[in-house]
Amino acid sequence: MENEPLIDETLKSELAALYQAADRHYHGLAHIDAMLALAREYRHLLDDPQAVEAAIWFHDAIYDSRAKDNEAKSAELAEKRLAGRVAPHRLARIAAMINATATHQLPPFRDEGALSDAALLLDMDLAILGAEPAVFDAYEKAVRLEYGWVEEPMWRAGRSAVLQNFLARSHIFHTTEFRDRFETRARENLDRSLQALQGQPR
């Protein structure tokens, strides 16, 4: 495994500038920092920590709430900016992890280490769902601001569908570690949010 940091200071500054755009109320640097903190906490479980860190930095680099291809464009940016710094198979792994954040379904990796890293990355991305209620509510408000252009009835219907999709899964989180830590509260938060969106008393 290569020891050179994939995300050097120059690249970090370039990406940080993207995350500091005024229209990013949730998908900004604080989200990246929170994921990086989780990656440090669970580093002992990661097969390729540098690749996971790179995927975290790039996964929301391109973010337009009106677009449907943000993850694909973010993966393309990673491939472009990391070309020559990293072996092609490792770069493909990073790009696949970024693309997986679109659906939060595991990519079809055959390699066990890559699969485990992808599961942890996706769980880190969704850890906010299992946050303390006040933190989760602030996240919901921030996401609503990012979709400020969507009229309220459309927002309620669309957001309800997203939350119901997560609640319908047998597990929101892929790994035992994150299930044990966040699953129960995530379901409580999502259920509470869903009731509010559907106009039901809490």
N, C-alpha and C. Protein backbone atom coordinates (compact mmCIF):
# COMPACT_ATOMS: atom_id res chain seq x y z
N MET A 1 0.85 -1.19 0.00
CA MET A 1 0.00 0.00 0.00
C MET A 1 0.89 1.24 0.00
N GLU A 2 0.51 2.22 -0.84
CA GLU A 2 1.31 3.43 -0.93
C GLU A 2 1.13 4.28 0.33
N ASN A 3 2.20 4.88 0.79
CA ASN A 3 2.13 5.66 2.02
C ASN A 3 2.00 7.16 1.79
N GLU A 4 2.29 7.58 0.55
CA GLU A 4 2.16 9.01 0.24
C GLU A 4 0.70 9.42 0.41
N PRO A 5 0.43 10.55 1.05
CA PRO A 5 -0.97 10.97 1.17
C PRO A 5 -1.55 11.26 -0.21
N LEU A 6 -2.73 10.73 -0.47
CA LEU A 6 -3.36 10.96 -1.76
C LEU A 6 -3.90 12.39 -1.84
N ILE A 7 -4.33 12.89 -0.69
CA ILE A 7 -4.86 14.26 -0.64
C ILE A 7 -3.81 15.15 0.01
N ASP A 8 -2.99 15.78 -0.81
CA ASP A 8 -1.95 16.66 -0.24
C ASP A 8 -2.57 18.03 0.07
N GLU A 9 -1.76 18.92 0.63
CA GLU A 9 -2.30 20.21 1.08
C GLU A 9 -2.88 21.04 -0.06
N THR A 10 -2.26 20.97 -1.23
CA THR A 10 -2.75 21.73 -2.39
C THR A 10 -4.14 21.26 -2.78
N LEU A 11 -4.29 19.94 -2.88
CA LEU A 11 -5.56 19.36 -3.27
C LEU A 11 -6.62 19.61 -2.19
N LYS A 12 -6.18 19.54 -0.94
CA LYS A 12 -7.09 19.79 0.18
C LYS A 12 -7.66 21.20 0.08
N SER A 13 -6.80 22.17 -0.23
CA SER A 13 -7.24 23.57 -0.35
C SER A 13 -8.22 23.72 -1.52
N GLU A 14 -7.90 23.06 -2.61
CA GLU A 14 -8.76 23.12 -3.81
C GLU A 14 -10.15 22.56 -3.51
N LEU A 15 -10.19 21.41 -2.82
CA LEU A 15 -11.46 20.78 -2.49
C LEU A 15 -12.20 21.57 -1.42
N ALA A 16 -11.46 22.07 -0.43
CA ALA A 16 -12.08 22.85 0.64
C ALA A 16 -12.82 24.06 0.06
N ALA A 17 -12.24 24.67 -0.97
CA ALA A 17 -12.89 25.83 -1.61
C ALA A 17 -14.24 25.44 -2.20
N LEU A 18 -14.32 24.25 -2.81
CA LEU A 18 -15.59 23.78 -3.37
C LEU A 18 -16.62 23.58 -2.25
N TYR A 19 -16.17 23.02 -1.15
CA TYR A 19 -17.09 22.74 -0.04
C TYR A 19 -17.54 23.99 0.71
N GLN A 20 -16.86 25.10 0.46
CA GLN A 20 -17.23 26.35 1.15
C GLN A 20 -18.16 27.23 0.34
N ALA A 21 -18.72 26.69 -0.74
CA ALA A 21 -19.66 27.47 -1.56
C ALA A 21 -20.87 27.86 -0.70
N ALA A 22 -21.41 29.03 -1.00
CA ALA A 22 -22.48 29.60 -0.16
C ALA A 22 -23.76 28.76 -0.13
N ASP A 23 -24.00 27.97 -1.19
CA ASP A 23 -25.25 27.20 -1.23
C ASP A 23 -25.15 25.84 -0.52
N ARG A 24 -24.01 25.59 0.11
CA ARG A 24 -23.83 24.31 0.82
C ARG A 24 -24.15 24.50 2.31
N HIS A 25 -25.35 24.15 2.66
CA HIS A 25 -25.76 24.32 4.05
C HIS A 25 -25.46 23.07 4.87
N TYR A 26 -25.49 21.91 4.21
CA TYR A 26 -25.09 20.67 4.89
C TYR A 26 -23.87 20.03 4.23
N HIS A 27 -23.88 19.95 2.90
CA HIS A 27 -22.81 19.24 2.18
C HIS A 27 -21.56 20.10 2.04
N GLY A 28 -21.08 20.56 3.18
CA GLY A 28 -19.91 21.43 3.21
C GLY A 28 -18.76 20.80 3.99
N LEU A 29 -17.83 21.63 4.41
CA LEU A 29 -16.63 21.14 5.09
C LEU A 29 -16.93 20.44 6.41
N ALA A 30 -17.97 20.89 7.12
CA ALA A 30 -18.28 20.27 8.41
C ALA A 30 -18.65 18.79 8.21
N HIS A 31 -19.36 18.50 7.11
CA HIS A 31 -19.73 17.12 6.80
C HIS A 31 -18.48 16.29 6.50
N ILE A 32 -17.55 16.87 5.75
CA ILE A 32 -16.30 16.17 5.43
C ILE A 32 -15.49 15.94 6.70
N ASP A 33 -15.40 16.97 7.53
CA ASP A 33 -14.65 16.84 8.79
C ASP A 33 -15.24 15.76 9.69
N ALA A 34 -16.57 15.69 9.74
CA ALA A 34 -17.23 14.67 10.57
C ALA A 34 -16.91 13.27 10.06
N MET A 35 -16.91 13.11 8.74
CA MET A 35 -16.58 11.80 8.16
C MET A 35 -15.11 11.44 8.38
N LEU A 36 -14.24 12.43 8.23
CA LEU A 36 -12.80 12.18 8.45
C LEU A 36 -12.54 11.78 9.91
N ALA A 37 -13.29 12.39 10.83
CA ALA A 37 -13.15 12.04 12.25
C ALA A 37 -13.57 10.59 12.48
N LEU A 38 -14.66 10.17 11.83
CA LEU A 38 -15.10 8.77 11.94
C LEU A 38 -14.07 7.83 11.31
N ALA A 39 -13.48 8.26 10.20
CA ALA A 39 -12.47 7.43 9.53
C ALA A 39 -11.25 7.24 10.43
N ARG A 40 -10.90 8.28 11.19
CA ARG A 40 -9.80 8.15 12.14
C ARG A 40 -10.19 7.20 13.27
N GLU A 41 -11.42 7.33 13.73
CA GLU A 41 -11.90 6.49 14.84
C GLU A 41 -11.93 5.01 14.47
N TYR A 42 -12.29 4.74 13.21
CA TYR A 42 -12.43 3.35 12.76
C TYR A 42 -11.27 2.91 11.85
N ARG A 43 -10.18 3.66 11.91
CA ARG A 43 -9.04 3.39 11.03
C ARG A 43 -8.56 1.94 11.13
N HIS A 44 -8.64 1.39 12.36
CA HIS A 44 -8.15 0.01 12.57
C HIS A 44 -8.96 -1.01 11.76
N LEU A 45 -10.14 -0.62 11.30
CA LEU A 45 -10.98 -1.53 10.52
C LEU A 45 -10.79 -1.35 9.01
N LEU A 46 -10.08 -0.28 8.62
CA LEU A 46 -9.97 0.04 7.20
C LEU A 46 -8.83 -0.72 6.53
N ASP A 47 -9.13 -1.24 5.36
CA ASP A 47 -8.13 -1.97 4.58
C ASP A 47 -7.17 -0.99 3.89
N ASP A 48 -7.72 0.10 3.36
CA ASP A 48 -6.92 1.12 2.68
C ASP A 48 -7.39 2.50 3.15
N PRO A 49 -6.91 2.93 4.34
CA PRO A 49 -7.38 4.19 4.91
C PRO A 49 -7.20 5.39 3.99
N GLN A 50 -6.09 5.42 3.24
CA GLN A 50 -5.84 6.56 2.34
C GLN A 50 -6.90 6.64 1.24
N ALA A 51 -7.29 5.48 0.71
CA ALA A 51 -8.30 5.46 -0.35
C ALA A 51 -9.65 5.92 0.20
N VAL A 52 -9.97 5.50 1.42
CA VAL A 52 -11.23 5.92 2.04
C VAL A 52 -11.19 7.43 2.29
N GLU A 53 -10.06 7.93 2.77
CA GLU A 53 -9.94 9.38 3.00
C GLU A 53 -10.13 10.15 1.69
N ALA A 54 -9.54 9.65 0.62
CA ALA A 54 -9.68 10.30 -0.68
C ALA A 54 -11.15 10.29 -1.13
N ALA A 55 -11.81 9.15 -0.94
CA ALA A 55 -13.23 9.05 -1.32
C ALA A 55 -14.08 10.02 -0.50
N ILE A 56 -13.75 10.18 0.78
CA ILE A 56 -14.48 11.13 1.62
C ILE A 56 -14.31 12.55 1.07
N TRP A 57 -13.08 12.92 0.80
CA TRP A 57 -12.80 14.28 0.31
C TRP A 57 -13.52 14.59 -1.00
N PHE A 58 -13.59 13.59 -1.88
CA PHE A 58 -14.16 13.84 -3.20
C PHE A 58 -15.66 13.57 -3.32
N HIS A 59 -16.27 12.84 -2.37
CA HIS A 59 -17.59 12.27 -2.66
C HIS A 59 -18.69 13.31 -2.88
N ASP A 60 -18.57 14.50 -2.28
CA ASP A 60 -19.54 15.57 -2.54
C ASP A 60 -18.87 16.79 -3.16
N ALA A 61 -17.72 16.59 -3.80
CA ALA A 61 -16.97 17.73 -4.35
C ALA A 61 -17.83 18.51 -5.35
N ILE A 62 -18.58 17.79 -6.17
CA ILE A 62 -19.52 18.43 -7.09
C ILE A 62 -20.90 18.27 -6.46
N TYR A 63 -21.56 19.38 -6.17
CA TYR A 63 -22.87 19.29 -5.52
C TYR A 63 -23.79 20.39 -6.02
N ASP A 64 -24.81 19.97 -6.74
CA ASP A 64 -25.85 20.87 -7.24
C ASP A 64 -27.17 20.17 -6.95
N SER A 65 -27.97 20.75 -6.06
CA SER A 65 -29.20 20.07 -5.63
C SER A 65 -30.19 19.86 -6.78
N ARG A 66 -30.00 20.57 -7.90
CA ARG A 66 -30.90 20.38 -9.05
C ARG A 66 -30.43 19.25 -9.98
N ALA A 67 -29.21 18.76 -9.76
CA ALA A 67 -28.63 17.75 -10.65
C ALA A 67 -28.81 16.34 -10.11
N LYS A 68 -28.75 15.37 -11.03
CA LYS A 68 -28.91 13.96 -10.63
C LYS A 68 -27.59 13.19 -10.75
N ASP A 69 -26.53 13.88 -11.20
CA ASP A 69 -25.28 13.17 -11.49
C ASP A 69 -24.10 13.69 -10.67
N ASN A 70 -24.40 14.24 -9.47
CA ASN A 70 -23.33 14.80 -8.64
C ASN A 70 -22.25 13.79 -8.30
N GLU A 71 -22.67 12.58 -7.92
CA GLU A 71 -21.70 11.56 -7.50
C GLU A 71 -20.82 11.14 -8.68
N ALA A 72 -21.45 10.96 -9.83
CA ALA A 72 -20.69 10.58 -11.03
C ALA A 72 -19.68 11.66 -11.40
N LYS A 73 -20.10 12.91 -11.29
CA LYS A 73 -19.18 14.02 -11.61
C LYS A 73 -18.08 14.14 -10.55
N SER A 74 -18.42 13.86 -9.30
CA SER A 74 -17.41 13.89 -8.24
C SER A 74 -16.38 12.77 -8.45
N ALA A 75 -16.87 11.60 -8.87
CA ALA A 75 -15.96 10.48 -9.16
C ALA A 75 -15.05 10.82 -10.34
N GLU A 76 -15.62 11.48 -11.34
CA GLU A 76 -14.81 11.90 -12.51
C GLU A 76 -13.73 12.89 -12.09
N LEU A 77 -14.08 13.80 -11.20
CA LEU A 77 -13.10 14.78 -10.72
C LEU A 77 -11.97 14.07 -9.96
N ALA A 78 -12.34 13.08 -9.16
CA ALA A 78 -11.32 12.30 -8.42
C ALA A 78 -10.39 11.60 -9.40
N GLU A 79 -10.96 10.99 -10.43
CA GLU A 79 -10.14 10.28 -11.42
C GLU A 79 -9.19 11.24 -12.13
N LYS A 80 -9.68 12.44 -12.40
CA LYS A 80 -8.86 13.44 -13.08
C LYS A 80 -7.74 13.97 -12.18
N ARG A 81 -8.12 14.32 -10.94
CA ARG A 81 -7.14 14.96 -10.04
C ARG A 81 -6.16 13.96 -9.41
N LEU A 82 -6.55 12.69 -9.32
CA LEU A 82 -5.66 11.69 -8.70
C LEU A 82 -4.90 10.86 -9.73
N ALA A 83 -5.19 11.09 -11.00
CA ALA A 83 -4.49 10.35 -12.06
C ALA A 83 -2.98 10.58 -11.94
N GLY A 84 -2.23 9.49 -11.98
CA GLY A 84 -0.78 9.61 -11.87
C GLY A 84 -0.28 9.56 -10.43
N ARG A 85 -1.17 9.81 -9.46
CA ARG A 85 -0.77 9.74 -8.05
C ARG A 85 -1.02 8.37 -7.47
N VAL A 86 -1.87 7.60 -8.14
CA VAL A 86 -2.36 6.36 -7.55
C VAL A 86 -2.52 5.30 -8.64
N ALA A 87 -2.27 4.06 -8.29
CA ALA A 87 -2.39 2.96 -9.25
C ALA A 87 -3.82 2.89 -9.78
N PRO A 88 -3.99 2.53 -11.07
CA PRO A 88 -5.32 2.53 -11.69
C PRO A 88 -6.36 1.70 -10.93
N HIS A 89 -5.97 0.53 -10.40
CA HIS A 89 -6.97 -0.30 -9.71
C HIS A 89 -7.43 0.36 -8.42
N ARG A 90 -6.51 1.09 -7.79
CA ARG A 90 -6.85 1.78 -6.54
C ARG A 90 -7.74 3.00 -6.83
N LEU A 91 -7.45 3.66 -7.94
CA LEU A 91 -8.26 4.81 -8.34
C LEU A 91 -9.68 4.36 -8.71
N ALA A 92 -9.77 3.21 -9.36
CA ALA A 92 -11.09 2.66 -9.72
C ALA A 92 -11.88 2.35 -8.44
N ARG A 93 -11.20 1.87 -7.43
CA ARG A 93 -11.83 1.56 -6.14
C ARG A 93 -12.36 2.83 -5.49
N ILE A 94 -11.57 3.90 -5.52
CA ILE A 94 -11.99 5.18 -4.96
C ILE A 94 -13.22 5.71 -5.71
N ALA A 95 -13.17 5.66 -7.04
CA ALA A 95 -14.29 6.15 -7.85
C ALA A 95 -15.56 5.34 -7.59
N ALA A 96 -15.42 4.03 -7.43
CA ALA A 96 -16.59 3.17 -7.17
C ALA A 96 -17.21 3.50 -5.81
N MET A 97 -16.37 3.79 -4.82
CA MET A 97 -16.89 4.17 -3.50
C MET A 97 -17.66 5.49 -3.58
N ILE A 98 -17.12 6.45 -4.35
CA ILE A 98 -17.80 7.74 -4.50
C ILE A 98 -19.15 7.53 -5.18
N ASN A 99 -19.17 6.76 -6.26
CA ASN A 99 -20.42 6.51 -6.99
C ASN A 99 -21.45 5.81 -6.11
N ALA A 100 -20.99 4.96 -5.19
CA ALA A 100 -21.90 4.22 -4.32
C ALA A 100 -22.67 5.13 -3.37
N THR A 101 -22.14 6.34 -3.11
CA THR A 101 -22.85 7.25 -2.21
C THR A 101 -24.13 7.80 -2.84
N ALA A 102 -24.34 7.55 -4.12
CA ALA A 102 -25.57 7.99 -4.78
C ALA A 102 -26.77 7.19 -4.28
N THR A 103 -26.59 5.89 -4.08
CA THR A 103 -27.70 5.01 -3.69
C THR A 103 -27.50 4.40 -2.30
N HIS A 104 -26.28 4.50 -1.80
CA HIS A 104 -25.90 3.85 -0.53
C HIS A 104 -26.09 2.34 -0.58
N GLN A 105 -25.94 1.79 -1.78
CA GLN A 105 -25.87 0.34 -1.95
C GLN A 105 -24.40 0.00 -2.18
N LEU A 106 -23.99 -1.15 -1.69
CA LEU A 106 -22.57 -1.54 -1.82
C LEU A 106 -22.21 -1.78 -3.28
N PRO A 107 -21.02 -1.32 -3.69
CA PRO A 107 -20.56 -1.61 -5.05
C PRO A 107 -20.22 -3.09 -5.19
N PRO A 108 -20.24 -3.63 -6.40
CA PRO A 108 -20.00 -5.08 -6.58
C PRO A 108 -18.52 -5.45 -6.53
N PHE A 109 -17.86 -5.11 -5.43
CA PHE A 109 -16.45 -5.46 -5.27
C PHE A 109 -16.32 -6.96 -4.97
N ARG A 110 -15.32 -7.59 -5.58
CA ARG A 110 -15.02 -8.99 -5.23
C ARG A 110 -14.04 -9.05 -4.06
N ASP A 111 -13.22 -8.02 -3.97
CA ASP A 111 -12.19 -7.96 -2.92
C ASP A 111 -12.85 -7.65 -1.57
N GLU A 112 -12.60 -8.50 -0.59
CA GLU A 112 -13.23 -8.34 0.74
C GLU A 112 -12.84 -7.02 1.42
N GLY A 113 -11.57 -6.66 1.29
CA GLY A 113 -11.10 -5.41 1.91
C GLY A 113 -11.78 -4.20 1.30
N ALA A 114 -11.92 -4.22 -0.03
CA ALA A 114 -12.57 -3.10 -0.73
C ALA A 114 -14.04 -3.02 -0.34
N LEU A 115 -14.68 -4.17 -0.21
CA LEU A 115 -16.10 -4.22 0.15
C LEU A 115 -16.31 -3.68 1.57
N SER A 116 -15.44 -4.10 2.48
CA SER A 116 -15.51 -3.64 3.86
C SER A 116 -15.30 -2.13 3.95
N ASP A 117 -14.32 -1.61 3.19
CA ASP A 117 -14.05 -0.17 3.19
C ASP A 117 -15.25 0.60 2.64
N ALA A 118 -15.86 0.08 1.58
CA ALA A 118 -17.03 0.75 0.99
C ALA A 118 -18.18 0.78 1.99
N ALA A 119 -18.38 -0.33 2.71
CA ALA A 119 -19.45 -0.39 3.72
C ALA A 119 -19.23 0.65 4.80
N LEU A 120 -17.99 0.78 5.26
CA LEU A 120 -17.67 1.75 6.31
C LEU A 120 -17.83 3.18 5.80
N LEU A 121 -17.40 3.43 4.57
CA LEU A 121 -17.54 4.77 3.99
C LEU A 121 -19.01 5.17 3.91
N LEU A 122 -19.86 4.26 3.41
CA LEU A 122 -21.29 4.56 3.29
C LEU A 122 -21.91 4.80 4.65
N ASP A 123 -21.48 4.03 5.64
CA ASP A 123 -22.02 4.21 7.00
C ASP A 123 -21.56 5.54 7.60
N MET A 124 -20.33 5.93 7.33
CA MET A 124 -19.84 7.23 7.81
C MET A 124 -20.67 8.36 7.20
N ASP A 125 -21.01 8.21 5.93
CA ASP A 125 -21.78 9.24 5.23
C ASP A 125 -23.17 9.40 5.85
N LEU A 126 -23.74 8.31 6.36
CA LEU A 126 -25.09 8.34 6.91
C LEU A 126 -25.14 8.44 8.44
N ALA A 127 -23.97 8.56 9.07
CA ALA A 127 -23.93 8.60 10.54
C ALA A 127 -24.79 9.72 11.11
N ILE A 128 -24.94 10.82 10.37
CA ILE A 128 -25.76 11.95 10.81
C ILE A 128 -27.19 11.52 11.11
N LEU A 129 -27.67 10.48 10.44
CA LEU A 129 -29.05 10.02 10.67
C LEU A 129 -29.23 9.51 12.08
N GLY A 130 -28.14 9.03 12.68
CA GLY A 130 -28.21 8.50 14.04
C GLY A 130 -27.70 9.47 15.08
N ALA A 131 -27.63 10.74 14.72
CA ALA A 131 -27.14 11.77 15.66
C ALA A 131 -28.19 12.06 16.73
N GLU A 132 -27.76 12.82 17.74
CA GLU A 132 -28.71 13.30 18.77
C GLU A 132 -29.84 14.04 18.06
N PRO A 133 -31.06 13.98 18.58
CA PRO A 133 -32.20 14.60 17.90
C PRO A 133 -31.98 16.06 17.46
N ALA A 134 -31.39 16.87 18.32
CA ALA A 134 -31.18 18.29 17.97
C ALA A 134 -30.22 18.44 16.79
N VAL A 135 -29.19 17.60 16.75
CA VAL A 135 -28.21 17.63 15.66
C VAL A 135 -28.86 17.14 14.37
N PHE A 136 -29.65 16.09 14.47
CA PHE A 136 -30.38 15.57 13.31
C PHE A 136 -31.35 16.62 12.77
N ASP A 137 -32.07 17.31 13.66
CA ASP A 137 -33.03 18.33 13.22
C ASP A 137 -32.32 19.48 12.50
N ALA A 138 -31.13 19.85 12.98
CA ALA A 138 -30.34 20.90 12.32
C ALA A 138 -29.91 20.44 10.92
N TYR A 139 -29.56 19.16 10.81
CA TYR A 139 -29.21 18.56 9.51
C TYR A 139 -30.40 18.63 8.55
N GLU A 140 -31.57 18.27 9.04
CA GLU A 140 -32.78 18.31 8.20
C GLU A 140 -33.05 19.72 7.70
N LYS A 141 -32.90 20.71 8.59
CA LYS A 141 -33.12 22.11 8.19
C LYS A 141 -32.10 22.54 7.14
N ALA A 142 -30.85 22.10 7.32
CA ALA A 142 -29.79 22.47 6.37
C ALA A 142 -30.04 21.86 4.99
N VAL A 143 -30.49 20.61 4.96
CA VAL A 143 -30.80 19.97 3.67
C VAL A 143 -31.97 20.69 3.01
N ARG A 144 -32.96 21.09 3.80
CA ARG A 144 -34.11 21.83 3.24
C ARG A 144 -33.63 23.12 2.59
N LEU A 145 -32.68 23.81 3.22
CA LEU A 145 -32.14 25.06 2.66
C LEU A 145 -31.46 24.80 1.32
N GLU A 146 -30.78 23.66 1.21
CA GLU A 146 -30.11 23.32 -0.06
C GLU A 146 -31.12 23.07 -1.18
N TYR A 147 -32.32 22.71 -0.78
CA TYR A 147 -33.39 22.49 -1.76
C TYR A 147 -34.44 23.60 -1.66
N GLY A 148 -33.98 24.79 -1.35
CA GLY A 148 -34.88 25.93 -1.18
C GLY A 148 -35.72 26.23 -2.41
N TRP A 149 -35.25 25.82 -3.57
CA TRP A 149 -35.98 26.07 -4.82
C TRP A 149 -37.17 25.13 -5.01
N VAL A 150 -37.25 24.08 -4.19
CA VAL A 150 -38.36 23.12 -4.30
C VAL A 150 -39.54 23.61 -3.47
N GLU A 151 -40.72 23.66 -4.08
CA GLU A 151 -41.92 24.10 -3.35
C GLU A 151 -42.27 23.09 -2.27
N GLU A 152 -42.87 23.59 -1.20
CA GLU A 152 -43.10 22.79 0.00
C GLU A 152 -43.83 21.45 -0.24
N PRO A 153 -44.94 21.42 -0.99
CA PRO A 153 -45.62 20.13 -1.20
C PRO A 153 -44.72 19.10 -1.89
N MET A 154 -43.96 19.57 -2.88
CA MET A 154 -43.03 18.69 -3.61
C MET A 154 -41.92 18.21 -2.68
N TRP A 155 -41.42 19.14 -1.86
CA TRP A 155 -40.37 18.79 -0.91
C TRP A 155 -40.85 17.70 0.05
N ARG A 156 -42.02 17.91 0.61
CA ARG A 156 -42.56 16.95 1.58
C ARG A 156 -42.72 15.57 0.96
N ALA A 157 -43.21 15.54 -0.26
CA ALA A 157 -43.41 14.24 -0.93
C ALA A 157 -42.07 13.59 -1.26
N GLY A 158 -41.15 14.37 -1.80
CA GLY A 158 -39.84 13.82 -2.19
C GLY A 158 -39.02 13.38 -1.00
N ARG A 159 -38.98 14.23 0.02
CA ARG A 159 -38.18 13.89 1.21
C ARG A 159 -38.80 12.69 1.94
N SER A 160 -40.13 12.64 2.00
CA SER A 160 -40.80 11.50 2.63
C SER A 160 -40.41 10.20 1.95
N ALA A 161 -40.35 10.23 0.61
CA ALA A 161 -39.99 9.03 -0.15
C ALA A 161 -38.57 8.58 0.18
N VAL A 162 -37.64 9.54 0.31
CA VAL A 162 -36.25 9.22 0.65
C VAL A 162 -36.18 8.57 2.03
N LEU A 163 -36.86 9.17 2.99
CA LEU A 163 -36.82 8.65 4.37
C LEU A 163 -37.49 7.28 4.46
N GLN A 164 -38.60 7.11 3.74
CA GLN A 164 -39.29 5.82 3.74
C GLN A 164 -38.41 4.73 3.13
N ASN A 165 -37.63 5.12 2.12
CA ASN A 165 -36.72 4.16 1.48
C ASN A 165 -35.70 3.64 2.49
N PHE A 166 -35.16 4.54 3.31
CA PHE A 166 -34.19 4.11 4.33
C PHE A 166 -34.87 3.25 5.40
N LEU A 167 -36.05 3.67 5.83
CA LEU A 167 -36.76 2.93 6.88
C LEU A 167 -37.18 1.53 6.41
N ALA A 168 -37.41 1.38 5.10
CA ALA A 168 -37.85 0.09 4.56
C ALA A 168 -36.71 -0.93 4.49
N ARG A 169 -35.48 -0.46 4.59
CA ARG A 169 -34.34 -1.38 4.52
C ARG A 169 -34.28 -2.22 5.79
N SER A 170 -33.80 -3.44 5.66
CA SER A 170 -33.66 -4.27 6.86
C SER A 170 -32.63 -3.65 7.81
N HIS A 171 -31.62 -2.99 7.23
CA HIS A 171 -30.64 -2.24 8.02
C HIS A 171 -30.30 -0.97 7.27
N ILE A 172 -30.25 0.15 7.98
CA ILE A 172 -29.81 1.41 7.37
C ILE A 172 -28.30 1.37 7.19
N PHE A 173 -27.62 0.80 8.19
CA PHE A 173 -26.15 0.76 8.17
C PHE A 173 -25.66 -0.63 7.76
N HIS A 174 -24.56 -0.66 7.03
CA HIS A 174 -24.03 -1.92 6.49
C HIS A 174 -23.20 -2.70 7.51
N THR A 175 -22.53 -1.97 8.42
CA THR A 175 -21.59 -2.64 9.32
C THR A 175 -22.18 -2.81 10.72
N THR A 176 -21.73 -3.85 11.38
CA THR A 176 -22.18 -4.12 12.76
C THR A 176 -21.85 -2.95 13.67
N GLU A 177 -20.65 -2.38 13.49
CA GLU A 177 -20.20 -1.29 14.36
C GLU A 177 -21.17 -0.10 14.31
N PHE A 178 -21.56 0.27 13.09
CA PHE A 178 -22.44 1.43 12.95
C PHE A 178 -23.89 1.08 13.31
N ARG A 179 -24.29 -0.14 13.04
CA ARG A 179 -25.65 -0.56 13.45
C ARG A 179 -25.79 -0.47 14.96
N ASP A 180 -24.80 -1.02 15.66
CA ASP A 180 -24.85 -1.03 17.12
C ASP A 180 -24.88 0.39 17.68
N ARG A 181 -24.17 1.29 17.01
CA ARG A 181 -24.02 2.65 17.52
C ARG A 181 -25.16 3.59 17.09
N PHE A 182 -25.65 3.43 15.86
CA PHE A 182 -26.54 4.46 15.29
C PHE A 182 -27.92 3.98 14.82
N GLU A 183 -28.10 2.69 14.60
CA GLU A 183 -29.32 2.21 13.93
C GLU A 183 -30.61 2.60 14.67
N THR A 184 -30.67 2.35 15.96
CA THR A 184 -31.90 2.61 16.71
C THR A 184 -32.28 4.08 16.66
N ARG A 185 -31.30 4.95 16.95
CA ARG A 185 -31.61 6.37 16.95
C ARG A 185 -31.90 6.87 15.54
N ALA A 186 -31.23 6.33 14.54
CA ALA A 186 -31.50 6.74 13.16
C ALA A 186 -32.96 6.46 12.80
N ARG A 187 -33.45 5.29 13.17
CA ARG A 187 -34.85 4.95 12.87
C ARG A 187 -35.81 5.86 13.62
N GLU A 188 -35.47 6.20 14.86
CA GLU A 188 -36.31 7.13 15.63
C GLU A 188 -36.33 8.52 14.98
N ASN A 189 -35.15 9.00 14.57
CA ASN A 189 -35.06 10.31 13.92
C ASN A 189 -35.84 10.34 12.60
N LEU A 190 -35.65 9.30 11.79
CA LEU A 190 -36.31 9.26 10.48
C LEU A 190 -37.83 9.17 10.65
N ASP A 191 -38.26 8.38 11.60
CA ASP A 191 -39.70 8.23 11.85
C ASP A 191 -40.31 9.56 12.30
N ARG A 192 -39.59 10.24 13.19
CA ARG A 192 -40.06 11.54 13.69
C ARG A 192 -40.13 12.56 12.56
N SER A 193 -39.10 12.57 11.72
CA SER A 193 -39.06 13.49 10.60
C SER A 193 -40.17 13.20 9.60
N LEU A 194 -40.39 11.94 9.36
CA LEU A 194 -41.43 11.51 8.42
C LEU A 194 -42.81 11.95 8.90
N GLN A 195 -43.06 11.80 10.17
CA GLN A 195 -44.35 12.21 10.73
C GLN A 195 -44.55 13.72 10.58
N ALA A 196 -43.47 14.49 10.79
CA ALA A 196 -43.55 15.94 10.64
C ALA A 196 -43.80 16.31 9.17
N LEU A 197 -43.13 15.64 8.25
CA LEU A 197 -43.31 15.91 6.82
C LEU A 197 -44.73 15.59 6.36
N GLN A 198 -45.30 14.57 6.96
CA GLN A 198 -46.64 14.14 6.58
C GLN A 198 -47.73 14.83 7.39
N GLY A 199 -47.30 15.81 8.20
CA GLY A 199 -48.25 16.62 8.94
C GLY A 199 -48.91 15.94 10.10
N GLN A 200 -48.29 14.87 10.59
CA GLN A 200 -48.86 14.16 11.74
C GLN A 200 -48.26 14.73 13.02
N PRO A 201 -49.03 14.73 14.10
CA PRO A 201 -48.47 15.24 15.36
C PRO A 201 -47.36 14.34 15.84
N ARG A 202 -46.31 14.95 16.42
CA ARG A 202 -45.16 14.15 16.88
C ARG A 202 -45.50 13.39 18.13
